[in-house]
PDB file of N, CA and C in Angstrom:
ATOM      1  N   GLY A   1       1.084  -1.198  -0.038  1.00  0.00           N
ATOM      2  CA  GLY A   1      -0.023   0.025   0.061  1.00  0.00           C
ATOM      3  C   GLY A   1       0.994   1.603  -0.099  1.00  0.00           C
ATOM      4  N   GLU A   2       2.569   1.068   0.541  1.00  0.00           N
ATOM      5  CA  GLU A   2       3.148   2.217  -0.522  1.00  0.00           C
ATOM      6  C   GLU A   2       3.107   2.883  -1.780  1.00  0.00           C
ATOM      7  N   ALA A   3       3.600   4.060  -1.218  1.00  0.00           N
ATOM      8  CA  ALA A   3       3.472   4.567  -2.575  1.00  0.00           C
ATOM      9  C   ALA A   3       5.384   4.759  -3.064  1.00  0.00           C
ATOM     10  N   TRP A   4       4.794   4.685  -4.604  1.00  0.00           N
ATOM     11  CA  TRP A   4       6.724   4.325  -4.791  1.00  0.00           C
ATOM     12  C   TRP A   4       7.688   5.458  -4.596  1.00  0.00           C
ATOM     13  N   SER A   5       7.400   6.284  -4.287  1.00  0.00           N
ATOM     14  CA  SER A   5       7.755   7.060  -3.629  1.00  0.00           C
ATOM     15  C   SER A   5       8.541   7.319  -1.694  1.00  0.00           C
ATOM     16  N   ALA A   6       8.068   6.451  -1.583  1.00  0.00           N
ATOM     17  CA  ALA A   6       8.923   5.631  -0.263  1.00  0.00           C
ATOM     18  C   ALA A   6       9.538   4.707  -0.407  1.00  0.00           C
ATOM     19  N   ILE A   7       9.975   3.946  -1.521  1.00  0.00           N
ATOM     20  CA  ILE A   7      11.423   3.046  -1.945  1.00  0.00           C
ATOM     21  C   ILE A   7      12.454   3.949  -1.840  1.00  0.00           C
ATOM     22  N   THR A   8      13.008   3.808  -1.637  1.00  0.00           N
ATOM     23  CA  THR A   8      14.724   4.156  -3.377  1.00  0.00           C
ATOM     24  C   THR A   8      15.794   3.149  -3.094  1.00  0.00           C
ATOM     25  N   ALA A   9      16.624   3.318  -3.793  1.00  0.00           N
ATOM     26  CA  ALA A   9      17.128   2.012  -4.112  1.00  0.00           C
ATOM     27  C   ALA A   9      18.798   2.933  -4.232  1.00  0.00           C
ATOM     28  N   GLN A  10      19.959   2.231  -3.628  1.00  0.00           N
ATOM     29  CA  GLN A  10      20.974   3.002  -3.454  1.00  0.00           C
ATOM     30  C   GLN A  10      22.420   1.652  -4.337  1.00  0.00           C
ATOM     31  N   ALA A  11      23.612   1.963  -4.309  1.00  0.00           N
ATOM     32  CA  ALA A  11      24.666   1.442  -5.045  1.00  0.00           C
ATOM     33  C   ALA A  11      25.878   1.941  -4.233  1.00  0.00           C
ATOM     34  N   GLN A  12      26.551   1.302  -4.128  1.00  0.00           N
ATOM     35  CA  GLN A  12      28.298   2.127  -3.992  1.00  0.00           C
ATOM     36  C   GLN A  12      28.582   0.714  -4.300  1.00  0.00           C
ATOM     37  N   ASP A  13      29.929   1.361  -4.667  1.00  0.00           N
ATOM     38  CA  ASP A  13      30.956   1.220  -5.586  1.00  0.00           C
ATOM     39  C   ASP A  13      32.174   0.893  -4.424  1.00  0.00           C
ATOM     40  N   SER A  14      33.612   0.100  -5.048  1.00  0.00           N
ATOM     41  CA  SER A  14      34.788   0.197  -4.100  1.00  0.00           C
ATOM     42  C   SER A  14      35.325   0.939  -3.708  1.00  0.00           C
ATOM     43  N   HIS A  15      35.302   2.164  -4.122  1.00  0.00           N
ATOM     44  CA  HIS A  15      35.398   3.641  -4.044  1.00  0.00           C
ATOM     45  C   HIS A  15      34.770   4.631  -3.769  1.00  0.00           C
ATOM     46  N   ASN A  16      33.842   3.352  -2.870  1.00  0.00           N
ATOM     47  CA  ASN A  16      32.632   4.066  -1.984  1.00  0.00           C
ATOM     48  C   ASN A  16      32.137   5.388  -2.275  1.00  0.00           C
ATOM     49  N   ALA A  17      31.808   5.612  -3.517  1.00  0.00           N
ATOM     50  CA  ALA A  17      31.027   6.251  -4.578  1.00  0.00           C
ATOM     51  C   ALA A  17      29.405   5.992  -4.401  1.00  0.00           C
ATOM     52  N   VAL A  18      28.191   7.138  -3.942  1.00  0.00           N
ATOM     53  CA  VAL A  18      27.492   6.526  -3.648  1.00  0.00           C
ATOM     54  C   VAL A  18      26.258   6.968  -5.655  1.00  0.00           C
ATOM     55  N   TYR A  19      25.274   6.034  -5.481  1.00  0.00           N
ATOM     56  CA  TYR A  19      24.854   5.962  -6.308  1.00  0.00           C
ATOM     57  C   TYR A  19      22.517   6.051  -6.028  1.00  0.00           C
ATOM     58  N   ASP A  20      22.039   7.065  -6.756  1.00  0.00           N
ATOM     59  CA  ASP A  20      20.751   6.751  -5.937  1.00  0.00           C
ATOM     60  C   ASP A  20      20.751   5.644  -7.677  1.00  0.00           C
ATOM     61  N   LEU A  21      19.586   4.377  -7.232  1.00  0.00           N
ATOM     62  CA  LEU A  21      19.129   3.847  -8.490  1.00  0.00           C
ATOM     63  C   LEU A  21      17.878   3.983  -8.574  1.00  0.00           C
ATOM     64  N   PRO A  22      17.027   4.972  -9.816  1.00  0.00           N
ATOM     65  CA  PRO A  22      15.624   4.177 -10.422  1.00  0.00           C
ATOM     66  C   PRO A  22      15.034   3.195 -10.303  1.00  0.00           C
ATOM     67  N   ILE A  23      13.638   4.044  -9.472  1.00  0.00           N
ATOM     68  CA  ILE A  23      13.074   2.055  -9.587  1.00  0.00           C
ATOM     69  C   ILE A  23      12.143   1.762 -10.714  1.00  0.00           C
ATOM     70  N   GLU A  24      12.675   0.903 -11.517  1.00  0.00           N
ATOM     71  CA  GLU A  24      11.273   0.916 -12.818  1.00  0.00           C
ATOM     72  C   GLU A  24       9.960   0.361 -12.268  1.00  0.00           C
ATOM     73  N   THR A  25      10.395  -0.706 -11.767  1.00  0.00           N
ATOM     74  CA  THR A  25       8.939  -1.803 -11.147  1.00  0.00           C
ATOM     75  C   THR A  25       8.981  -2.333  -9.840  1.00  0.00           C
ATOM     76  N   ILE A  26       7.613  -2.164  -9.140  1.00  0.00           N
ATOM     77  CA  ILE A  26       7.306  -2.625  -7.733  1.00  0.00           C
ATOM     78  C   ILE A  26       6.398  -4.005  -8.002  1.00  0.00           C
ATOM     79  N   LYS A  27       6.928  -5.407  -7.955  1.00  0.00           N
ATOM     80  CA  LYS A  27       5.428  -6.309  -7.720  1.00  0.00           C
ATOM     81  C   LYS A  27       6.000  -7.209  -7.433  1.00  0.00           C
ATOM     82  N   ASP A  28       4.029  -7.870  -6.864  1.00  0.00           N
ATOM     83  CA  ASP A  28       4.317  -9.529  -6.249  1.00  0.00           C
ATOM     84  C   ASP A  28       5.716 -10.595  -7.118  1.00  0.00           C
ATOM     85  N   VAL A  29       5.871 -11.325  -6.550  1.00  0.00           N
ATOM     86  CA  VAL A  29       6.618 -12.259  -6.714  1.00  0.00           C
ATOM     87  C   VAL A  29       5.578 -13.212  -6.697  1.00  0.00           C
ATOM     88  N   PRO A  30       5.117 -14.305  -7.407  1.00  0.00           N
ATOM     89  CA  PRO A  30       4.471 -15.047  -7.961  1.00  0.00           C
ATOM     90  C   PRO A  30       4.863 -16.283  -6.769  1.00  0.00           C
ATOM     91  N   ASP A  31       3.222 -16.462  -5.833  1.00  0.00           N
ATOM     92  CA  ASP A  31       3.109 -17.574  -4.984  1.00  0.00           C
ATOM     93  C   ASP A  31       3.913 -17.527  -3.615  1.00  0.00           C
ATOM     94  N   TYR A  32       4.171 -15.799  -3.493  1.00  0.00           N
ATOM     95  CA  TYR A  32       5.286 -15.577  -2.492  1.00  0.00           C
ATOM     96  C   TYR A  32       4.438 -14.017  -2.657  1.00  0.00           C
ATOM     97  N   THR A  33       3.115 -13.719  -1.673  1.00  0.00           N
ATOM     98  CA  THR A  33       2.676 -12.004  -2.110  1.00  0.00           C
ATOM     99  C   THR A  33       3.576 -11.184  -0.678  1.00  0.00           C
ATOM    100  N   TRP A  34       3.769 -11.505   0.240  1.00  0.00           N
ATOM    101  CA  TRP A  34       4.077 -10.483   1.574  1.00  0.00           C
ATOM    102  C   TRP A  34       5.665 -10.695   0.637  1.00  0.00           C
ATOM    103  N   ILE A  35       6.535 -11.207  -0.364  1.00  0.00           N
ATOM    104  CA  ILE A  35       7.938 -10.017  -1.338  1.00  0.00           C
ATOM    105  C   ILE A  35       7.483  -9.538  -2.384  1.00  0.00           C
ATOM    106  N   LYS A  36       8.122  -8.989  -1.949  1.00  0.00           N
ATOM    107  CA  LYS A  36       7.831  -8.043  -3.676  1.00  0.00           C
ATOM    108  C   LYS A  36       8.935  -8.166  -4.195  1.00  0.00           C
ATOM    109  N   GLN A  37       9.205  -8.187  -5.907  1.00  0.00           N
ATOM    110  CA  GLN A  37      10.547  -7.593  -5.890  1.00  0.00           C
ATOM    111  C   GLN A  37      10.417  -6.375  -7.089  1.00  0.00           C
ATOM    112  N   VAL A  38      11.659  -5.519  -6.338  1.00  0.00           N
ATOM    113  CA  VAL A  38      11.826  -4.581  -7.236  1.00  0.00           C
ATOM    114  C   VAL A  38      12.925  -4.189  -8.008  1.00  0.00           C
ATOM    115  N   THR A  39      12.556  -3.806  -9.436  1.00  0.00           N
ATOM    116  CA  THR A  39      13.576  -3.354  -9.861  1.00  0.00           C
ATOM    117  C   THR A  39      13.878  -2.694 -10.176  1.00  0.00           C
ATOM    118  N   VAL A  40      15.959  -2.364 -10.188  1.00  0.00           N
ATOM    119  CA  VAL A  40      16.247  -1.248 -10.442  1.00  0.00           C
ATOM    120  C   VAL A  40      16.639  -0.982 -12.192  1.00  0.00           C
ATOM    121  N   LYS A  41      17.464   0.433 -12.262  1.00  0.00           N
ATOM    122  CA  LYS A  41      18.290   0.614 -13.788  1.00  0.00           C
ATOM    123  C   LYS A  41      19.483   1.425 -13.000  1.00  0.00           C
ATOM    124  N   LEU A  42      20.161   0.405 -13.343  1.00  0.00           N
ATOM    125  CA  LEU A  42      21.919   0.852 -12.528  1.00  0.00           C
ATOM    126  C   LEU A  42      22.365   1.616 -14.427  1.00  0.00           C
ATOM    127  N   PRO A  43      23.643   2.527 -13.682  1.00  0.00           N
ATOM    128  CA  PRO A  43      23.473   4.097 -14.358  1.00  0.00           C
ATOM    129  C   PRO A  43      24.816   3.935 -15.320  1.00  0.00           C
ATOM    130  N   GLU A  44      25.116   4.320 -16.851  1.00  0.00           N
ATOM    131  CA  GLU A  44      26.163   3.545 -16.765  1.00  0.00           C
ATOM    132  C   GLU A  44      27.784   3.956 -16.269  1.00  0.00           C
ATOM    133  N   GLU A  45      27.200   4.332 -15.192  1.00  0.00           N
ATOM    134  CA  GLU A  45      28.667   4.815 -15.008  1.00  0.00           C
ATOM    135  C   GLU A  45      29.823   3.548 -13.776  1.00  0.00           C
ATOM    136  N   LEU A  46      28.128   2.303 -13.417  1.00  0.00           N
ATOM    137  CA  LEU A  46      28.957   1.804 -12.800  1.00  0.00           C
ATOM    138  C   LEU A  46      29.307   0.300 -13.925  1.00  0.00           C
ATOM    139  N   LYS A  47      29.458   0.352 -15.511  1.00  0.00           N
ATOM    140  CA  LYS A  47      29.876   0.047 -16.126  1.00  0.00           C
ATOM    141  C   LYS A  47      31.300  -0.782 -15.710  1.00  0.00           C
ATOM    142  N   GLY A  48      31.573  -2.063 -15.174  1.00  0.00           N
ATOM    143  CA  GLY A  48      32.640  -2.293 -15.648  1.00  0.00           C
ATOM    144  C   GLY A  48      33.189  -2.660 -13.837  1.00  0.00           C
ATOM    145  N   SER A  49      32.189  -2.123 -12.569  1.00  0.00           N
ATOM    146  CA  SER A  49      32.869  -1.665 -11.523  1.00  0.00           C
ATOM    147  C   SER A  49      33.075  -2.750 -10.929  1.00  0.00           C
ATOM    148  N   GLY A  50      33.073  -4.347 -11.445  1.00  0.00           N
ATOM    149  CA  GLY A  50      33.560  -5.096 -10.164  1.00  0.00           C
ATOM    150  C   GLY A  50      32.252  -5.402  -9.385  1.00  0.00           C
ATOM    151  N   ASP A  51      32.700  -5.272  -7.723  1.00  0.00           N
ATOM    152  CA  ASP A  51      31.813  -5.722  -6.682  1.00  0.00           C
ATOM    153  C   ASP A  51      31.278  -4.138  -6.266  1.00  0.00           C
ATOM    154  N   VAL A  52      30.055  -4.196  -6.348  1.00  0.00           N
ATOM    155  CA  VAL A  52      29.072  -3.173  -5.726  1.00  0.00           C
ATOM    156  C   VAL A  52      28.538  -3.171  -5.066  1.00  0.00           C
ATOM    157  N   SER A  53      27.657  -2.835  -3.581  1.00  0.00           N
ATOM    158  CA  SER A  53      26.584  -3.072  -2.409  1.00  0.00           C
ATOM    159  C   SER A  53      25.463  -2.767  -3.229  1.00  0.00           C
ATOM    160  N   VAL A  54      24.597  -3.119  -3.008  1.00  0.00           N
ATOM    161  CA  VAL A  54      22.968  -2.418  -3.490  1.00  0.00           C
ATOM    162  C   VAL A  54      21.786  -2.441  -1.964  1.00  0.00           C
ATOM    163  N   SER A  55      21.740  -1.616  -1.752  1.00  0.00           N
ATOM    164  CA  SER A  55      20.525  -1.745  -0.900  1.00  0.00           C
ATOM    165  C   SER A  55      19.173  -1.063  -0.875  1.00  0.00           C
ATOM    166  N   ILE A  56      18.214  -1.080  -0.427  1.00  0.00           N
ATOM    167  CA  ILE A  56      16.429  -1.220  -0.687  1.00  0.00           C
ATOM    168  C   ILE A  56      16.310  -0.301   0.508  1.00  0.00           C
ATOM    169  N   SER A  57      15.838   1.093   0.149  1.00  0.00           N
ATOM    170  CA  SER A  57      15.176   1.799   1.642  1.00  0.00           C
ATOM    171  C   SER A  57      13.959   1.880   1.978  1.00  0.00           C
ATOM    172  N   LEU A  58      12.754   1.426   2.822  1.00  0.00           N
ATOM    173  CA  LEU A  58      11.327   1.943   2.980  1.00  0.00           C
ATOM    174  C   LEU A  58      11.898   2.757   3.849  1.00  0.00           C
ATOM    175  N   ARG A  59      11.021   4.440   3.355  1.00  0.00           N
ATOM    176  CA  ARG A  59      11.021   5.553   4.466  1.00  0.00           C
ATOM    177  C   ARG A  59      12.990   6.067   4.771  1.00  0.00           C
ATOM    178  N   GLY A  60      13.206   5.673   4.220  1.00  0.00           N
ATOM    179  CA  GLY A  60      14.715   6.108   5.157  1.00  0.00           C
ATOM    180  C   GLY A  60      15.146   4.335   6.068  1.00  0.00           C
ATOM    181  N   VAL A  61      14.359   3.580   5.989  1.00  0.00           N
ATOM    182  CA  VAL A  61      15.496   2.501   6.971  1.00  0.00           C
ATOM    183  C   VAL A  61      15.988   1.320   6.036  1.00  0.00           C
ATOM    184  N   ALA A  62      17.047   0.759   5.561  1.00  0.00           N
ATOM    185  CA  ALA A  62      17.454   0.243   4.781  1.00  0.00           C
ATOM    186  C   ALA A  62      18.190  -0.915   5.147  1.00  0.00           C
ATOM    187  N   SER A  63      17.574  -1.869   3.814  1.00  0.00           N
ATOM    188  CA  SER A  63      17.533  -2.807   3.945  1.00  0.00           C
ATOM    189  C   SER A  63      19.555  -4.432   4.599  1.00  0.00           C
ATOM    190  N   ASN A  64      19.564  -4.927   3.909  1.00  0.00           N
ATOM    191  CA  ASN A  64      20.705  -5.251   4.337  1.00  0.00           C
ATOM    192  C   ASN A  64      20.979  -4.825   2.935  1.00  0.00           C
ATOM    193  N   SER A  65      22.544  -5.188   3.102  1.00  0.00           N
ATOM    194  CA  SER A  65      23.155  -4.764   1.515  1.00  0.00           C
ATOM    195  C   SER A  65      23.710  -6.064   0.686  1.00  0.00           C
ATOM    196  N   ALA A  66      23.429  -6.531  -0.828  1.00  0.00           N
ATOM    197  CA  ALA A  66      23.687  -7.076  -1.291  1.00  0.00           C
ATOM    198  C   ALA A  66      24.680  -6.726  -2.036  1.00  0.00           C
ATOM    199  N   LEU A  67      25.717  -7.769  -2.789  1.00  0.00           N
ATOM    200  CA  LEU A  67      26.758  -7.631  -3.099  1.00  0.00           C
ATOM    201  C   LEU A  67      26.697  -8.139  -4.306  1.00  0.00           C
ATOM    202  N   ILE A  68      26.538  -7.498  -5.613  1.00  0.00           N
ATOM    203  CA  ILE A  68      26.473  -7.994  -7.235  1.00  0.00           C
ATOM    204  C   ILE A  68      27.863  -7.296  -7.652  1.00  0.00           C
ATOM    205  N   ASN A  69      28.181  -8.127  -8.726  1.00  0.00           N
ATOM    206  CA  ASN A  69      29.474  -8.223  -9.335  1.00  0.00           C
ATOM    207  C   ASN A  69      28.760  -7.202 -10.933  1.00  0.00           C
ATOM    208  N   ILE A  70      29.509  -6.312 -10.808  1.00  0.00           N
ATOM    209  CA  ILE A  70      29.238  -5.561 -12.861  1.00  0.00           C
ATOM    210  C   ILE A  70      30.208  -5.733 -13.287  1.00  0.00           C
ATOM    211  N   GLN A  71      29.973  -6.383 -13.843  1.00  0.00           N
ATOM    212  CA  GLN A  71      31.254  -6.260 -15.616  1.00  0.00           C
ATOM    213  C   GLN A  71      31.206  -5.878 -17.061  1.00  0.00           C
TER     214      GLN A  71
END
């Protein structure tokens, strides 16, 4: 029931630069309606960055970070 504006996403690269990630969609995960899938768009600046930490926030409260590798 939250507006998309209450949800934000950020990425942090190995040089500690922080990038705001635009949210493209938020939807239910099939058969797990209590879980939401959040799809974000990665900026071109992250291309080839290697390990990047990504987190989602709801009204300023951040999730755990997930480490992804961007080649």
